[in-house]
Amino acid sequence: MELHGPGSDSFELRVIGYKSVQEPDDVREANWLRIHTRATLDARTWQTIHVSLLTWEVQELAEWAESLAAAAPQKSELSFTAPNLWFEVQSWSEERVSFRIYFEREHRPPWVESDSGVGEVWAELECAPQELRDWAADLRRQLQKFPPRGKAVPHRHRRL
């Protein structure tokens, strides 16, 4: 599902598959997912496919989106083990939630070099509560194809 901002910014996240077809012995290694992102910033679109989220982090993202649809966030930021993507709420109301998605490392736009001195790169998004609920449901549907493997005990890593 593609999310949009008040301008031309947009963002889409799809789970492509596990990092490894065979289930490694290491629980954490077994649960890395290949993530496809498609984003637009300032009318320029790019796509990436990279191992950047764990199975339980996709679930955490779905929970975060759903919680934003229901109430003002207790924590305004959500980050993950691999610091390629992270989210930050800018404003919240019962009608609209504005947030940023920050792109780091392999998920940065190709026209922004990592060492070019350019600071943070983000997309500005704005969603109605129902869009956030729909996005959470979409993430959960995608995760049904790639559920946690092994005896995974989620390690929650949030940027505060």
C-alpha atoms as a PDB file:
ATOM      1  CA  MET A   1       0.000   0.000   0.000  1.00  0.00           C
ATOM      2  CA  GLU A   2       1.323   3.418  -0.927  1.00  0.00           C
ATOM      3  CA  LEU A   3       1.124   6.292   1.550  1.00  0.00           C
ATOM      4  CA  HIS A   4       1.151   9.930   0.436  1.00  0.00           C
ATOM      5  CA  GLY A   5       2.103  13.317   1.773  1.00  0.00           C
ATOM      6  CA  PRO A   6       0.543  16.721   1.327  1.00  0.00           C
ATOM      7  CA  GLY A   7       2.982  17.379  -1.546  1.00  0.00           C
ATOM      8  CA  SER A   8       4.486  14.880  -3.971  1.00  0.00           C
ATOM      9  CA  ASP A   9       6.100  12.643  -1.312  1.00  0.00           C
ATOM     10  CA  SER A  10       5.017   9.017  -1.151  1.00  0.00           C
ATOM     11  CA  PHE A  11       6.189   5.744   0.354  1.00  0.00           C
ATOM     12  CA  GLU A  12       5.501   2.052  -0.206  1.00  0.00           C
ATOM     13  CA  LEU A  13       6.988  -0.917   1.665  1.00  0.00           C
ATOM     14  CA  ARG A  14       6.698  -4.543   0.560  1.00  0.00           C
ATOM     15  CA  VAL A  15       8.133  -7.674   2.131  1.00  0.00           C
ATOM     16  CA  ILE A  16       9.929  -9.631  -0.608  1.00  0.00           C
ATOM     17  CA  GLY A  17      11.071 -12.626   1.420  1.00  0.00           C
ATOM     18  CA  TYR A  18      13.448 -13.951   4.006  1.00  0.00           C
ATOM     19  CA  LYS A  19      17.141 -13.090   3.690  1.00  0.00           C
ATOM     20  CA  SER A  20      17.886 -16.808   3.550  1.00  0.00           C
ATOM     21  CA  VAL A  21      15.678 -19.476   1.977  1.00  0.00           C
ATOM     22  CA  GLN A  22      16.990 -22.054   4.427  1.00  0.00           C
ATOM     23  CA  GLU A  23      16.337 -21.387   8.080  1.00  0.00           C
ATOM     24  CA  PRO A  24      19.678 -20.681   9.788  1.00  0.00           C
ATOM     25  CA  ASP A  25      20.255 -21.918  13.340  1.00  0.00           C
ATOM     26  CA  ASP A  26      20.553 -18.354  14.615  1.00  0.00           C
ATOM     27  CA  VAL A  27      17.018 -17.063  15.350  1.00  0.00           C
ATOM     28  CA  ARG A  28      17.868 -13.483  14.554  1.00  0.00           C
ATOM     29  CA  GLU A  29      19.557 -14.411  11.274  1.00  0.00           C
ATOM     30  CA  ALA A  30      16.547 -16.578  10.346  1.00  0.00           C
ATOM     31  CA  ASN A  31      14.165 -13.631  10.698  1.00  0.00           C
ATOM     32  CA  TRP A  32      15.812 -10.976   8.529  1.00  0.00           C
ATOM     33  CA  LEU A  33      13.565  -9.912   5.639  1.00  0.00           C
ATOM     34  CA  ARG A  34      14.293  -8.475   2.222  1.00  0.00           C
ATOM     35  CA  ILE A  35      12.316  -5.245   1.991  1.00  0.00           C
ATOM     36  CA  HIS A  36      11.311  -3.425  -1.185  1.00  0.00           C
ATOM     37  CA  THR A  37      10.705   0.305  -0.806  1.00  0.00           C
ATOM     38  CA  ARG A  38       9.459   2.739  -3.392  1.00  0.00           C
ATOM     39  CA  ALA A  39       9.501   6.402  -2.469  1.00  0.00           C
ATOM     40  CA  THR A  40       9.076   9.799  -4.041  1.00  0.00           C
ATOM     41  CA  LEU A  41      10.752  12.976  -2.779  1.00  0.00           C
ATOM     42  CA  ASP A  42      10.420  16.277  -4.574  1.00  0.00           C
ATOM     43  CA  ALA A  43       8.840  14.498  -7.571  1.00  0.00           C
ATOM     44  CA  ARG A  44      11.836  12.097  -7.883  1.00  0.00           C
ATOM     45  CA  THR A  45      11.105   8.394  -7.406  1.00  0.00           C
ATOM     46  CA  TRP A  46      13.488   5.566  -6.506  1.00  0.00           C
ATOM     47  CA  GLN A  47      13.252   1.955  -5.407  1.00  0.00           C
ATOM     48  CA  THR A  48      15.416  -0.259  -3.236  1.00  0.00           C
ATOM     49  CA  ILE A  49      15.484  -3.889  -2.196  1.00  0.00           C
ATOM     50  CA  HIS A  50      17.549  -4.578   0.877  1.00  0.00           C
ATOM     51  CA  VAL A  51      17.638  -6.765   3.984  1.00  0.00           C
ATOM     52  CA  SER A  52      16.555  -4.163   6.510  1.00  0.00           C
ATOM     53  CA  LEU A  53      13.799  -5.401   8.851  1.00  0.00           C
ATOM     54  CA  LEU A  54      13.257  -8.406  11.083  1.00  0.00           C
ATOM     55  CA  THR A  55       9.924 -10.230  11.053  1.00  0.00           C
ATOM     56  CA  TRP A  56       8.963  -8.852  14.447  1.00  0.00           C
ATOM     57  CA  GLU A  57       9.922  -5.332  13.359  1.00  0.00           C
ATOM     58  CA  VAL A  58       7.380  -5.458  10.519  1.00  0.00           C
ATOM     59  CA  GLN A  59       4.834  -6.519  13.138  1.00  0.00           C
ATOM     60  CA  GLU A  60       5.965  -3.634  15.359  1.00  0.00           C
ATOM     61  CA  LEU A  61       5.534  -1.209  12.443  1.00  0.00           C
ATOM     62  CA  ALA A  62       1.985  -2.485  11.896  1.00  0.00           C
ATOM     63  CA  GLU A  63       1.227  -2.048  15.611  1.00  0.00           C
ATOM     64  CA  TRP A  64       2.710   1.458  15.542  1.00  0.00           C
ATOM     65  CA  ALA A  65       0.583   2.491  12.540  1.00  0.00           C
ATOM     66  CA  GLU A  66      -2.540   1.066  14.139  1.00  0.00           C
ATOM     67  CA  SER A  67      -1.839   2.806  17.445  1.00  0.00           C
ATOM     68  CA  LEU A  68      -1.375   6.138  15.617  1.00  0.00           C
ATOM     69  CA  ALA A  69      -4.795   5.681  14.062  1.00  0.00           C
ATOM     70  CA  ALA A  70      -6.348   5.368  17.522  1.00  0.00           C
ATOM     71  CA  ALA A  71      -4.543   7.882  19.744  1.00  0.00           C
ATOM     72  CA  ALA A  72      -1.736  10.396  20.051  1.00  0.00           C
ATOM     73  CA  PRO A  73       1.594   8.578  20.187  1.00  0.00           C
ATOM     74  CA  GLN A  74       3.282   7.919  23.512  1.00  0.00           C
ATOM     75  CA  LYS A  75       6.610   7.817  21.656  1.00  0.00           C
ATOM     76  CA  SER A  76       7.041   9.961  18.590  1.00  0.00           C
ATOM     77  CA  GLU A  77       9.783   7.872  16.937  1.00  0.00           C
ATOM     78  CA  LEU A  78      10.113   4.282  15.777  1.00  0.00           C
ATOM     79  CA  SER A  79      13.438   2.830  14.661  1.00  0.00           C
ATOM     80  CA  PHE A  80      14.797  -0.619  13.991  1.00  0.00           C
ATOM     81  CA  THR A  81      17.880  -2.807  14.382  1.00  0.00           C
ATOM     82  CA  ALA A  82      19.214  -1.864  10.935  1.00  0.00           C
ATOM     83  CA  PRO A  83      19.067   1.933  10.855  1.00  0.00           C
ATOM     84  CA  ASN A  84      17.982   2.139   7.209  1.00  0.00           C
ATOM     85  CA  LEU A  85      14.458   3.416   7.872  1.00  0.00           C
ATOM     86  CA  TRP A  86      12.945   5.179  10.838  1.00  0.00           C
ATOM     87  CA  PHE A  87       9.721   7.041  11.499  1.00  0.00           C
ATOM     88  CA  GLU A  88       8.913  10.212  13.399  1.00  0.00           C
ATOM     89  CA  VAL A  89       5.484  11.700  14.115  1.00  0.00           C
ATOM     90  CA  GLN A  90       5.348  15.422  13.355  1.00  0.00           C
ATOM     91  CA  SER A  91       1.742  16.107  14.374  1.00  0.00           C
ATOM     92  CA  TRP A  92      -1.310  14.139  15.406  1.00  0.00           C
ATOM     93  CA  SER A  93      -5.049  14.851  15.409  1.00  0.00           C
ATOM     94  CA  GLU A  94      -8.097  12.617  15.260  1.00  0.00           C
ATOM     95  CA  GLU A  95      -8.407  13.470  11.542  1.00  0.00           C
ATOM     96  CA  ARG A  96      -4.788  13.442  10.308  1.00  0.00           C
ATOM     97  CA  VAL A  97      -1.381  12.148  11.336  1.00  0.00           C
ATOM     98  CA  SER A  98       1.708  13.747   9.839  1.00  0.00           C
ATOM     99  CA  PHE A  99       4.977  11.849  10.041  1.00  0.00           C
ATOM    100  CA  ARG A 100       8.343  11.524   8.375  1.00  0.00           C
ATOM    101  CA  ILE A 101      10.086   8.457   7.064  1.00  0.00           C
ATOM    102  CA  TYR A 102      13.845   8.869   7.193  1.00  0.00           C
ATOM    103  CA  PHE A 103      16.015   7.057   4.659  1.00  0.00           C
ATOM    104  CA  GLU A 104      19.509   5.990   5.637  1.00  0.00           C
ATOM    105  CA  ARG A 105      22.267   3.829   4.165  1.00  0.00           C
ATOM    106  CA  GLU A 106      20.989   1.506   1.426  1.00  0.00           C
ATOM    107  CA  HIS A 107      17.548   3.134   1.373  1.00  0.00           C
ATOM    108  CA  ARG A 108      18.797   6.653   0.613  1.00  0.00           C
ATOM    109  CA  PRO A 109      17.923   8.029  -2.817  1.00  0.00           C
ATOM    110  CA  PRO A 110      20.634   7.227  -5.374  1.00  0.00           C
ATOM    111  CA  TRP A 111      21.131  10.921  -6.142  1.00  0.00           C
ATOM    112  CA  VAL A 112      22.141  11.539  -2.505  1.00  0.00           C
ATOM    113  CA  GLU A 113      25.515  10.008  -1.765  1.00  0.00           C
ATOM    114  CA  SER A 114      25.988   8.837   1.819  1.00  0.00           C
ATOM    115  CA  ASP A 115      29.185  10.794   2.279  1.00  0.00           C
ATOM    116  CA  SER A 116      28.145  13.895   0.349  1.00  0.00           C
ATOM    117  CA  GLY A 117      27.582  15.951   3.466  1.00  0.00           C
ATOM    118  CA  VAL A 118      23.822  15.950   2.918  1.00  0.00           C
ATOM    119  CA  GLY A 119      22.111  15.420   6.253  1.00  0.00           C
ATOM    120  CA  GLU A 120      18.975  13.466   6.897  1.00  0.00           C
ATOM    121  CA  VAL A 121      16.700  12.583   3.996  1.00  0.00           C
ATOM    122  CA  TRP A 122      13.001  12.090   4.644  1.00  0.00           C
ATOM    123  CA  ALA A 123       9.554  11.917   3.070  1.00  0.00           C
ATOM    124  CA  GLU A 124       6.711  13.935   4.599  1.00  0.00           C
ATOM    125  CA  LEU A 125       3.550  11.849   4.824  1.00  0.00           C
ATOM    126  CA  GLU A 126       0.073  12.628   6.060  1.00  0.00           C
ATOM    127  CA  CYS A 127      -2.593   9.980   6.626  1.00  0.00           C
ATOM    128  CA  ALA A 128      -6.138   9.714   7.876  1.00  0.00           C
ATOM    129  CA  PRO A 129      -6.666   7.140  10.651  1.00  0.00           C
ATOM    130  CA  GLN A 130      -8.322   4.706   8.232  1.00  0.00           C
ATOM    131  CA  GLU A 131      -5.290   4.839   5.917  1.00  0.00           C
ATOM    132  CA  LEU A 132      -3.061   3.927   8.859  1.00  0.00           C
ATOM    133  CA  ARG A 133      -5.349   1.022   9.801  1.00  0.00           C
ATOM    134  CA  ASP A 134      -5.352  -0.159   6.179  1.00  0.00           C
ATOM    135  CA  TRP A 135      -1.536   0.075   6.057  1.00  0.00           C
ATOM    136  CA  ALA A 136      -1.249  -1.923   9.297  1.00  0.00           C
ATOM    137  CA  ALA A 137      -3.556  -4.601   7.864  1.00  0.00           C
ATOM    138  CA  ASP A 138      -1.528  -4.685   4.632  1.00  0.00           C
ATOM    139  CA  LEU A 139       1.732  -5.144   6.561  1.00  0.00           C
ATOM    140  CA  ARG A 140       0.180  -7.989   8.564  1.00  0.00           C
ATOM    141  CA  ARG A 141      -1.064  -9.684   5.374  1.00  0.00           C
ATOM    142  CA  GLN A 142       2.419  -9.486   3.898  1.00  0.00           C
ATOM    143  CA  LEU A 143       3.929 -10.893   7.083  1.00  0.00           C
ATOM    144  CA  GLN A 144       1.592 -13.919   6.956  1.00  0.00           C
ATOM    145  CA  LYS A 145       3.702 -15.182   4.049  1.00  0.00           C
ATOM    146  CA  PHE A 146       6.899 -14.707   6.100  1.00  0.00           C
ATOM    147  CA  PRO A 147       6.091 -15.356   9.763  1.00  0.00           C
ATOM    148  CA  PRO A 148       8.739 -15.361  12.509  1.00  0.00           C
ATOM    149  CA  ARG A 149      10.929 -18.454  12.290  1.00  0.00           C
ATOM    150  CA  GLY A 150      12.403 -20.436  15.160  1.00  0.00           C
ATOM    151  CA  LYS A 151      11.722 -19.542  18.732  1.00  0.00           C
ATOM    152  CA  ALA A 152      11.934 -15.834  18.063  1.00  0.00           C
ATOM    153  CA  VAL A 153      11.857 -13.575  21.071  1.00  0.00           C
ATOM    154  CA  PRO A 154      11.438 -10.096  19.649  1.00  0.00           C
ATOM    155  CA  HIS A 155      14.092  -7.606  20.627  1.00  0.00           C
ATOM    156  CA  ARG A 156      12.438  -4.197  20.561  1.00  0.00           C
ATOM    157  CA  HIS A 157      14.733  -1.395  19.487  1.00  0.00           C
ATOM    158  CA  ARG A 158      13.166   2.038  19.491  1.00  0.00           C
ATOM    159  CA  ARG A 159      14.759   5.361  18.939  1.00  0.00           C
ATOM    160  CA  LEU A 160      13.780   7.635  21.798  1.00  0.00           C
END
